[in-house]
Amino acid sequence: MLAFTRSWAVLAACAALSTCSQPDTDGGPGQEASTGGHDSGSGDASSIASRCSPPAGLRCPPGSAWEARHGLDSAEYQQTFDTLVGQGYRLSHVSGYSLGGQGRYAAIWEKCDSPEWEARHGLSSAEYQQNFDTFVGQGYRLVQVSGYTVAAQDLYSAIFEKSQGPAWEARHGLDSAAYQQAFDTFVGQGYRLADVSGYENRFAGIWTK
């Protein structure tokens, strides 16, 4: 079990992940601080763009341009990430999962002015901790984490953002009992659950005051 304490801005859970796109509207390029290759994924992607209503729970103002993809393997996810970030989009939500013994990714990107951000995926628990410590030490906050298990190994994808926010606590790799204990402790201290990811009878969560 690994513990972290800092401050952060809450990321609402995305209500839908599908392969859709909307035309660009106003919204300047995202000020991304993410470099290519720092996001890894996997994939057979069914990436046919279509017109539909934007998913809820994103980080940009309503009406901002957005793109979504799912079923991507690592190479496809990285390629999509690099392409969209190069077009001024920022990653707003990522979900990792296992399909046929391989990692797959579903993600949403938005186009708007935003704080600097960094994203990583396909991280082992130790790599996730190392990246967490590095980015938090540079003034970033964790805004979303997705835990998933591929070939019996726990992996993590995460988004960090350099922005102001309230106090927060995060845990990952918790079994059900440890998660319940953390939940009860933080709620008793005035925190509320803001983000949770369940995977192979383990949990990663973020609480904010």
C-alpha atoms as a PDB file:
ATOM      1  CA  MET A   1       0.000   0.000   0.000  1.00  0.00           C
ATOM      2  CA  LEU A   2       1.382   3.405  -0.984  1.00  0.00           C
ATOM      3  CA  ALA A   3       0.265   6.736   0.411  1.00  0.00           C
ATOM      4  CA  PHE A   4       0.434  10.224  -1.091  1.00  0.00           C
ATOM      5  CA  THR A   5      -0.561  13.626   0.269  1.00  0.00           C
ATOM      6  CA  ARG A   6      -0.783  16.884  -1.716  1.00  0.00           C
ATOM      7  CA  SER A   7      -3.426  19.205  -3.180  1.00  0.00           C
ATOM      8  CA  TRP A   8      -5.341  18.793  -6.426  1.00  0.00           C
ATOM      9  CA  ALA A   9      -8.292  19.707  -8.610  1.00  0.00           C
ATOM     10  CA  VAL A  10     -11.105  17.173  -8.899  1.00  0.00           C
ATOM     11  CA  LEU A  11     -11.639  15.410 -12.215  1.00  0.00           C
ATOM     12  CA  ALA A  12     -15.239  14.307 -12.655  1.00  0.00           C
ATOM     13  CA  ALA A  13     -15.677  10.791 -13.954  1.00  0.00           C
ATOM     14  CA  CYS A  14     -16.355  10.554 -17.658  1.00  0.00           C
ATOM     15  CA  ALA A  15     -19.837   9.325 -18.448  1.00  0.00           C
ATOM     16  CA  ALA A  16     -19.044   7.852 -21.835  1.00  0.00           C
ATOM     17  CA  LEU A  17     -16.068   6.557 -23.783  1.00  0.00           C
ATOM     18  CA  SER A  18     -16.761   5.976 -27.460  1.00  0.00           C
ATOM     19  CA  THR A  19     -15.255   6.694 -30.859  1.00  0.00           C
ATOM     20  CA  CYS A  20     -16.798  10.050 -31.651  1.00  0.00           C
ATOM     21  CA  SER A  21     -15.629  13.481 -32.697  1.00  0.00           C
ATOM     22  CA  GLN A  22     -16.985  17.000 -32.818  1.00  0.00           C
ATOM     23  CA  PRO A  23     -15.867  19.807 -35.087  1.00  0.00           C
ATOM     24  CA  ASP A  24     -13.411  22.296 -33.663  1.00  0.00           C
ATOM     25  CA  THR A  25     -15.033  25.257 -31.999  1.00  0.00           C
ATOM     26  CA  ASP A  26     -13.300  28.056 -30.169  1.00  0.00           C
ATOM     27  CA  GLY A  27     -10.679  27.022 -27.693  1.00  0.00           C
ATOM     28  CA  GLY A  28      -6.975  27.634 -27.840  1.00  0.00           C
ATOM     29  CA  PRO A  29      -4.406  24.894 -27.981  1.00  0.00           C
ATOM     30  CA  GLY A  30      -3.897  22.953 -24.781  1.00  0.00           C
ATOM     31  CA  GLN A  31      -0.649  23.914 -23.079  1.00  0.00           C
ATOM     32  CA  GLU A  32       0.516  20.366 -22.795  1.00  0.00           C
ATOM     33  CA  ALA A  33       3.684  19.447 -20.979  1.00  0.00           C
ATOM     34  CA  SER A  34       3.516  15.872 -22.106  1.00  0.00           C
ATOM     35  CA  THR A  35       6.145  14.472 -24.391  1.00  0.00           C
ATOM     36  CA  GLY A  36       5.634  11.741 -26.947  1.00  0.00           C
ATOM     37  CA  GLY A  37       6.218   8.246 -25.743  1.00  0.00           C
ATOM     38  CA  HIS A  38       5.370   9.009 -22.157  1.00  0.00           C
ATOM     39  CA  ASP A  39       2.007   7.538 -22.723  1.00  0.00           C
ATOM     40  CA  SER A  40       1.960   3.937 -23.772  1.00  0.00           C
ATOM     41  CA  GLY A  41      -1.021   1.862 -24.722  1.00  0.00           C
ATOM     42  CA  SER A  42      -2.123  -1.038 -26.862  1.00  0.00           C
ATOM     43  CA  GLY A  43      -4.360  -1.768 -29.756  1.00  0.00           C
ATOM     44  CA  ASP A  44      -6.961  -2.886 -32.199  1.00  0.00           C
ATOM     45  CA  ALA A  45      -8.795   0.311 -32.439  1.00  0.00           C
ATOM     46  CA  SER A  46     -12.102   0.828 -34.007  1.00  0.00           C
ATOM     47  CA  SER A  47     -11.528   4.517 -34.559  1.00  0.00           C
ATOM     48  CA  ILE A  48     -14.235   5.625 -36.935  1.00  0.00           C
ATOM     49  CA  ALA A  49     -15.069   9.262 -36.200  1.00  0.00           C
ATOM     50  CA  SER A  50     -18.727  10.148 -35.897  1.00  0.00           C
ATOM     51  CA  ARG A  51     -20.832  13.127 -34.858  1.00  0.00           C
ATOM     52  CA  CYS A  52     -22.539  12.856 -31.484  1.00  0.00           C
ATOM     53  CA  SER A  53     -23.051  14.705 -28.216  1.00  0.00           C
ATOM     54  CA  PRO A  54     -19.862  15.153 -26.192  1.00  0.00           C
ATOM     55  CA  PRO A  55     -19.349  12.876 -23.179  1.00  0.00           C
ATOM     56  CA  ALA A  56     -20.012  14.361 -19.759  1.00  0.00           C
ATOM     57  CA  GLY A  57     -17.385  15.006 -17.091  1.00  0.00           C
ATOM     58  CA  LEU A  58     -14.647  16.545 -19.218  1.00  0.00           C
ATOM     59  CA  ARG A  59     -12.126  19.192 -18.177  1.00  0.00           C
ATOM     60  CA  CYS A  60     -12.796  21.881 -20.802  1.00  0.00           C
ATOM     61  CA  PRO A  61     -15.781  24.264 -21.071  1.00  0.00           C
ATOM     62  CA  PRO A  62     -18.951  23.035 -22.792  1.00  0.00           C
ATOM     63  CA  GLY A  63     -18.704  23.423 -26.554  1.00  0.00           C
ATOM     64  CA  SER A  64     -14.978  22.667 -26.701  1.00  0.00           C
ATOM     65  CA  ALA A  65     -13.795  20.359 -29.470  1.00  0.00           C
ATOM     66  CA  TRP A  66     -13.126  16.805 -28.336  1.00  0.00           C
ATOM     67  CA  GLU A  67     -12.067  13.404 -29.603  1.00  0.00           C
ATOM     68  CA  ALA A  68     -12.571   9.921 -28.120  1.00  0.00           C
ATOM     69  CA  ARG A  69     -11.128   6.517 -28.940  1.00  0.00           C
ATOM     70  CA  HIS A  70     -11.432   3.021 -27.505  1.00  0.00           C
ATOM     71  CA  GLY A  71     -10.000  -0.454 -28.069  1.00  0.00           C
ATOM     72  CA  LEU A  72      -6.498   0.910 -28.733  1.00  0.00           C
ATOM     73  CA  ASP A  73      -3.437  -1.215 -28.122  1.00  0.00           C
ATOM     74  CA  SER A  74      -0.243   0.417 -26.867  1.00  0.00           C
ATOM     75  CA  ALA A  75       1.116   1.462 -30.234  1.00  0.00           C
ATOM     76  CA  GLU A  76      -2.227   2.777 -31.495  1.00  0.00           C
ATOM     77  CA  TYR A  77      -2.864   4.665 -28.286  1.00  0.00           C
ATOM     78  CA  GLN A  78       0.582   6.279 -28.409  1.00  0.00           C
ATOM     79  CA  GLN A  79       0.107   7.229 -32.052  1.00  0.00           C
ATOM     80  CA  THR A  80      -3.313   8.734 -31.363  1.00  0.00           C
ATOM     81  CA  PHE A  81      -1.965  10.540 -28.307  1.00  0.00           C
ATOM     82  CA  ASP A  82       0.898  12.082 -30.267  1.00  0.00           C
ATOM     83  CA  THR A  83      -1.356  13.086 -33.163  1.00  0.00           C
ATOM     84  CA  LEU A  84      -4.035  14.756 -31.063  1.00  0.00           C
ATOM     85  CA  VAL A  85      -1.607  16.497 -28.707  1.00  0.00           C
ATOM     86  CA  GLY A  86       0.181  17.779 -31.812  1.00  0.00           C
ATOM     87  CA  GLN A  87      -3.147  19.271 -32.925  1.00  0.00           C
ATOM     88  CA  GLY A  88      -3.581  21.145 -29.640  1.00  0.00           C
ATOM     89  CA  TYR A  89      -5.700  18.645 -27.713  1.00  0.00           C
ATOM     90  CA  ARG A  90      -5.099  17.599 -24.118  1.00  0.00           C
ATOM     91  CA  LEU A  91      -5.812  14.218 -22.569  1.00  0.00           C
ATOM     92  CA  SER A  92      -8.786  14.534 -20.210  1.00  0.00           C
ATOM     93  CA  HIS A  93      -9.534  10.927 -19.266  1.00  0.00           C
ATOM     94  CA  VAL A  94      -7.910   7.547 -19.852  1.00  0.00           C
ATOM     95  CA  SER A  95      -9.062   4.056 -18.890  1.00  0.00           C
ATOM     96  CA  GLY A  96      -6.808   1.019 -19.180  1.00  0.00           C
ATOM     97  CA  TYR A  97      -8.138  -2.539 -19.352  1.00  0.00           C
ATOM     98  CA  SER A  98      -7.178  -6.042 -20.433  1.00  0.00           C
ATOM     99  CA  LEU A  99      -8.532  -7.755 -23.536  1.00  0.00           C
ATOM    100  CA  GLY A 100      -7.210 -11.106 -24.683  1.00  0.00           C
ATOM    101  CA  GLY A 101      -4.259 -10.834 -22.330  1.00  0.00           C
ATOM    102  CA  GLN A 102      -3.161  -7.470 -23.749  1.00  0.00           C
ATOM    103  CA  GLY A 103      -3.564  -3.921 -22.527  1.00  0.00           C
ATOM    104  CA  ARG A 104      -6.190  -1.747 -24.208  1.00  0.00           C
ATOM    105  CA  TYR A 105      -7.046   1.921 -23.750  1.00  0.00           C
ATOM    106  CA  ALA A 106     -10.093   4.141 -24.014  1.00  0.00           C
ATOM    107  CA  ALA A 107      -9.478   7.874 -23.795  1.00  0.00           C
ATOM    108  CA  ILE A 108     -10.946  11.342 -24.288  1.00  0.00           C
ATOM    109  CA  TRP A 109      -9.032  14.398 -25.498  1.00  0.00           C
ATOM    110  CA  GLU A 110     -10.280  18.011 -25.462  1.00  0.00           C
ATOM    111  CA  LYS A 111      -9.112  21.236 -27.070  1.00  0.00           C
ATOM    112  CA  CYS A 112      -9.003  24.293 -24.802  1.00  0.00           C
ATOM    113  CA  ASP A 113      -6.585  26.444 -22.847  1.00  0.00           C
ATOM    114  CA  SER A 114      -5.445  24.431 -19.834  1.00  0.00           C
ATOM    115  CA  PRO A 115      -2.678  24.249 -17.241  1.00  0.00           C
ATOM    116  CA  GLU A 116       0.449  22.288 -18.051  1.00  0.00           C
ATOM    117  CA  TRP A 117      -0.126  18.555 -17.815  1.00  0.00           C
ATOM    118  CA  GLU A 118       1.633  15.227 -18.048  1.00  0.00           C
ATOM    119  CA  ALA A 119       0.260  11.757 -18.813  1.00  0.00           C
ATOM    120  CA  ARG A 120       1.689   8.278 -18.392  1.00  0.00           C
ATOM    121  CA  HIS A 121       0.289   4.810 -19.007  1.00  0.00           C
ATOM    122  CA  GLY A 122       1.324   1.190 -18.768  1.00  0.00           C
ATOM    123  CA  LEU A 123       3.234   1.863 -15.526  1.00  0.00           C
ATOM    124  CA  SER A 124       4.029  -0.825 -12.973  1.00  0.00           C
ATOM    125  CA  SER A 125       3.280   0.020  -9.351  1.00  0.00           C
ATOM    126  CA  ALA A 126       6.892   1.075  -8.758  1.00  0.00           C
ATOM    127  CA  GLU A 127       6.997   3.156 -11.951  1.00  0.00           C
ATOM    128  CA  TYR A 128       3.711   4.807 -11.053  1.00  0.00           C
ATOM    129  CA  GLN A 129       5.057   5.721  -7.595  1.00  0.00           C
ATOM    130  CA  GLN A 130       8.249   7.104  -9.132  1.00  0.00           C
ATOM    131  CA  ASN A 131       6.341   9.229 -11.652  1.00  0.00           C
ATOM    132  CA  PHE A 132       3.948  10.403  -8.965  1.00  0.00           C
ATOM    133  CA  ASP A 133       6.797  11.547  -6.722  1.00  0.00           C
ATOM    134  CA  THR A 134       8.570  13.270  -9.614  1.00  0.00           C
ATOM    135  CA  PHE A 135       5.567  15.227 -10.885  1.00  0.00           C
ATOM    136  CA  VAL A 136       4.223  16.168  -7.468  1.00  0.00           C
ATOM    137  CA  GLY A 137       7.707  17.405  -6.619  1.00  0.00           C
ATOM    138  CA  GLN A 138       7.503  19.648  -9.690  1.00  0.00           C
ATOM    139  CA  GLY A 139       4.194  21.163  -8.590  1.00  0.00           C
ATOM    140  CA  TYR A 140       1.806  18.865 -10.465  1.00  0.00           C
ATOM    141  CA  ARG A 141      -1.305  17.259  -8.981  1.00  0.00           C
ATOM    142  CA  LEU A 142      -2.799  13.900  -9.793  1.00  0.00           C
ATOM    143  CA  VAL A 143      -6.157  14.478 -11.507  1.00  0.00           C
ATOM    144  CA  GLN A 144      -7.006  10.949 -12.635  1.00  0.00           C
ATOM    145  CA  VAL A 145      -5.680   7.409 -12.174  1.00  0.00           C
ATOM    146  CA  SER A 146      -6.758   4.142 -13.796  1.00  0.00           C
ATOM    147  CA  GLY A 147      -5.612   0.797 -12.407  1.00  0.00           C
ATOM    148  CA  TYR A 148      -5.865  -2.368 -14.500  1.00  0.00           C
ATOM    149  CA  THR A 149      -4.330  -5.837 -14.600  1.00  0.00           C
ATOM    150  CA  VAL A 150      -2.700  -7.366 -17.677  1.00  0.00           C
ATOM    151  CA  ALA A 151      -1.147 -10.857 -17.600  1.00  0.00           C
ATOM    152  CA  ALA A 152      -1.306 -10.908 -13.790  1.00  0.00           C
ATOM    153  CA  GLN A 153       0.540  -7.554 -13.473  1.00  0.00           C
ATOM    154  CA  ASP A 154      -1.070  -4.434 -12.051  1.00  0.00           C
ATOM    155  CA  LEU A 155      -0.563  -1.415 -14.305  1.00  0.00           C
ATOM    156  CA  TYR A 156      -1.501   2.246 -13.971  1.00  0.00           C
ATOM    157  CA  SER A 157      -2.328   5.144 -16.263  1.00  0.00           C
ATOM    158  CA  ALA A 158      -2.458   8.639 -14.813  1.00  0.00           C
ATOM    159  CA  ILE A 159      -2.880  12.311 -15.663  1.00  0.00           C
ATOM    160  CA  PHE A 160      -1.091  15.037 -13.720  1.00  0.00           C
ATOM    161  CA  GLU A 161      -1.868  18.744 -13.930  1.00  0.00           C
ATOM    162  CA  LYS A 162      -0.060  21.845 -12.705  1.00  0.00           C
ATOM    163  CA  SER A 163      -2.952  23.737 -11.125  1.00  0.00           C
ATOM    164  CA  GLN A 164      -4.252  24.881  -7.764  1.00  0.00           C
ATOM    165  CA  GLY A 165      -6.675  22.830  -5.690  1.00  0.00           C
ATOM    166  CA  PRO A 166      -7.741  21.672  -2.221  1.00  0.00           C
ATOM    167  CA  ALA A 167      -5.945  19.138  -0.021  1.00  0.00           C
ATOM    168  CA  TRP A 168      -6.171  15.546  -1.211  1.00  0.00           C
ATOM    169  CA  GLU A 169      -5.156  11.991  -0.444  1.00  0.00           C
ATOM    170  CA  ALA A 170      -4.567   9.074  -2.832  1.00  0.00           C
ATOM    171  CA  ARG A 171      -4.018   5.350  -2.442  1.00  0.00           C
ATOM    172  CA  HIS A 172      -3.465   2.496  -4.878  1.00  0.00           C
ATOM    173  CA  GLY A 173      -3.051  -1.274  -4.700  1.00  0.00           C
ATOM    174  CA  LEU A 174      -5.569  -1.606  -1.848  1.00  0.00           C
ATOM    175  CA  ASP A 175      -7.556  -4.786  -1.285  1.00  0.00           C
ATOM    176  CA  SER A 176     -11.226  -4.454  -0.340  1.00  0.00           C
ATOM    177  CA  ALA A 177     -10.631  -4.258   3.414  1.00  0.00           C
ATOM    178  CA  ALA A 178      -7.776  -1.751   3.115  1.00  0.00           C
ATOM    179  CA  TYR A 179      -9.821   0.373   0.713  1.00  0.00           C
ATOM    180  CA  GLN A 180     -12.778   0.418   3.121  1.00  0.00           C
ATOM    181  CA  GLN A 181     -10.476   1.406   5.962  1.00  0.00           C
ATOM    182  CA  ALA A 182      -8.950   4.237   3.925  1.00  0.00           C
ATOM    183  CA  PHE A 183     -12.414   5.355   2.826  1.00  0.00           C
ATOM    184  CA  ASP A 184     -13.723   5.473   6.393  1.00  0.00           C
ATOM    185  CA  THR A 185     -10.624   7.274   7.665  1.00  0.00           C
ATOM    186  CA  PHE A 186     -10.636   9.990   5.027  1.00  0.00           C
ATOM    187  CA  VAL A 187     -14.384  10.563   5.124  1.00  0.00           C
ATOM    188  CA  GLY A 188     -14.080  10.868   8.893  1.00  0.00           C
ATOM    189  CA  GLN A 189     -11.466  13.581   8.352  1.00  0.00           C
ATOM    190  CA  GLY A 190     -13.767  15.576   6.066  1.00  0.00           C
ATOM    191  CA  TYR A 191     -12.612  14.237   2.698  1.00  0.00           C
ATOM    192  CA  ARG A 192     -14.906  13.023  -0.060  1.00  0.00           C
ATOM    193  CA  LEU A 193     -14.212  10.360  -2.648  1.00  0.00           C
ATOM    194  CA  ALA A 194     -13.458  12.034  -5.988  1.00  0.00           C
ATOM    195  CA  ASP A 195     -12.050   9.242  -8.171  1.00  0.00           C
ATOM    196  CA  VAL A 196     -11.937   5.463  -7.813  1.00  0.00           C
ATOM    197  CA  SER A 197     -10.697   2.638 -10.031  1.00  0.00           C
ATOM    198  CA  GLY A 198     -11.330  -1.050  -9.304  1.00  0.00           C
ATOM    199  CA  TYR A 199      -9.206  -3.849 -10.804  1.00  0.00           C
ATOM    200  CA  GLU A 200      -8.675  -7.531  -9.881  1.00  0.00           C
ATOM    201  CA  ASN A 201     -10.034  -7.102  -6.340  1.00  0.00           C
ATOM    202  CA  ARG A 202      -7.858  -4.054  -5.773  1.00  0.00           C
ATOM    203  CA  PHE A 203      -8.611  -0.355  -5.739  1.00  0.00           C
ATOM    204  CA  ALA A 204      -6.986   3.009  -6.448  1.00  0.00           C
ATOM    205  CA  GLY A 205      -8.741   6.098  -5.143  1.00  0.00           C
ATOM    206  CA  ILE A 206      -8.421   9.842  -4.689  1.00  0.00           C
ATOM    207  CA  TRP A 207     -10.106  11.803  -1.919  1.00  0.00           C
ATOM    208  CA  THR A 208     -10.348  15.596  -1.733  1.00  0.00           C
ATOM    209  CA  LYS A 209     -11.303  18.060   1.002  1.00  0.00           C
END
